[in-house]
Structure formats: structure tokens, C-alpha cells
């Protein structure tokens, strides 16, 4: 993985560099749970650089609400490719 990655690849790379757990597992399991089940505890920063702080158990996620000073909506989605039949 190259240096200077963005988004999830950046998180995975940093966790590897710092000697933490497997970065891929962190993103696919822990970060996904924080985003899905976490509570919005506050918004921080000036209007042109606001961030939302989500917390779940002993984890925190920081989501930027702007990009280049403009409001930004981040769409995170996941779904089963082949839904299980009932």
C-alpha cells in the first residue's frame, strides 16, 4: 500500500505502521460497528471544517462534514450481493 492514502486505505496503513491489530479487520469489523451503532456525541470545528464525533464502547470515529470548505455528504453503504433465501 502506498504512502499518503486516503480514506479507509489510510486507516489500514496507519494501523499497520503503528503495530496495532490487523488494519483490514479493524475497518471491516470495528469501524463498521462504530459507524452503525455509535452515538453522535458532538460536532466540532468551525463551520468550514466541521467534524462529527461518534462513539461506541471504547471507540471513536471522526467524520468530516465538509470538504474544501463546502458541506459534504458521505454515503456509506453495504449490502449482501446474493441475499440468503428464506
Protein backbone atom coordinates (compact mmCIF):
# COMPACT_ATOMS: atom_id res chain seq x y z
CA UNK A 1 0.00 0.00 0.00
CA UNK A 2 1.45 3.35 -0.99
CA UNK A 3 2.06 6.24 1.36
CA UNK A 4 -0.36 9.11 1.53
CA UNK A 5 -3.50 7.03 1.01
CA UNK A 6 -6.94 8.44 1.65
CA UNK A 7 -9.96 7.17 3.50
CA UNK A 8 -10.06 3.57 4.59
CA UNK A 9 -6.72 2.69 3.00
CA UNK A 10 -5.13 5.45 5.10
CA UNK A 11 -6.61 3.97 8.29
CA UNK A 12 -5.41 0.47 7.39
CA UNK A 13 -1.92 1.73 6.55
CA UNK A 14 -1.58 3.75 9.77
CA UNK A 15 -2.67 0.83 11.94
CA UNK A 16 -0.05 -1.39 10.27
CA UNK A 17 2.67 1.25 10.72
CA UNK A 18 1.82 1.73 14.40
CA UNK A 19 1.85 -2.01 15.08
CA UNK A 20 -1.81 -2.26 16.01
CA UNK A 21 -4.15 -5.08 15.12
CA UNK A 22 -4.86 -6.11 11.57
CA UNK A 23 -6.00 -2.91 9.84
CA UNK A 24 -8.38 -4.66 7.48
CA UNK A 25 -10.18 -6.35 10.35
CA UNK A 26 -10.38 -3.05 12.23
CA UNK A 27 -12.04 -1.34 9.25
CA UNK A 28 -14.42 -4.17 8.35
CA UNK A 29 -15.48 -5.07 11.88
CA UNK A 30 -14.79 -2.39 14.48
CA UNK A 31 -15.10 0.78 12.39
CA UNK A 32 -18.21 -0.60 10.71
CA UNK A 33 -19.78 -1.21 14.13
CA UNK A 34 -18.87 2.28 15.40
CA UNK A 35 -20.49 3.85 12.33
CA UNK A 36 -23.58 1.64 12.52
CA UNK A 37 -24.20 1.64 16.26
CA UNK A 38 -22.24 4.62 17.56
CA UNK A 39 -23.79 7.68 19.14
CA UNK A 40 -23.21 11.21 17.86
CA UNK A 41 -21.62 12.82 20.92
CA UNK A 42 -20.78 16.22 19.43
CA UNK A 43 -19.82 18.26 16.39
CA UNK A 44 -16.54 20.15 16.49
CA UNK A 45 -14.70 22.71 14.42
CA UNK A 46 -15.58 25.91 12.62
CA UNK A 47 -18.41 25.87 10.04
CA UNK A 48 -15.98 25.42 7.12
CA UNK A 49 -14.31 22.39 8.77
CA UNK A 50 -16.91 20.70 10.97
CA UNK A 51 -16.50 17.12 12.09
CA UNK A 52 -18.96 14.73 13.73
CA UNK A 53 -17.69 12.64 16.64
CA UNK A 54 -19.29 9.20 17.05
CA UNK A 55 -18.56 6.90 19.97
CA UNK A 56 -19.31 3.24 20.59
CA UNK A 57 -17.94 1.33 23.57
CA UNK A 58 -14.23 2.27 23.74
CA UNK A 59 -14.01 3.51 20.14
CA UNK A 60 -14.42 6.89 18.49
CA UNK A 61 -14.92 7.78 14.81
CA UNK A 62 -14.45 11.27 13.41
CA UNK A 63 -16.38 12.09 10.23
CA UNK A 64 -15.69 15.27 8.27
CA UNK A 65 -18.87 17.15 7.39
CA UNK A 66 -17.18 19.43 4.86
CA UNK A 67 -14.67 19.12 2.05
CA UNK A 68 -12.69 22.14 0.83
CA UNK A 69 -14.94 24.34 2.97
CA UNK A 70 -18.18 23.11 1.40
CA UNK A 71 -20.79 20.83 3.04
CA UNK A 72 -20.16 17.20 2.13
CA UNK A 73 -22.43 14.19 2.42
CA UNK A 74 -20.59 10.91 2.78
CA UNK A 75 -22.53 7.89 1.63
CA UNK A 76 -21.50 4.63 3.23
CA UNK A 77 -23.44 1.63 2.10
CA UNK A 78 -23.22 -2.13 2.34
CA UNK A 79 -25.45 -4.93 1.23
CA UNK A 80 -25.50 -8.64 0.57
CA UNK A 81 -24.54 -9.36 -3.01
CA UNK A 82 -26.62 -12.52 -3.01
CA UNK A 83 -29.33 -12.30 -0.31
CA UNK A 84 -29.90 -15.55 1.54
CA UNK A 85 -33.15 -17.28 0.66
CA UNK A 86 -35.63 -17.84 3.45
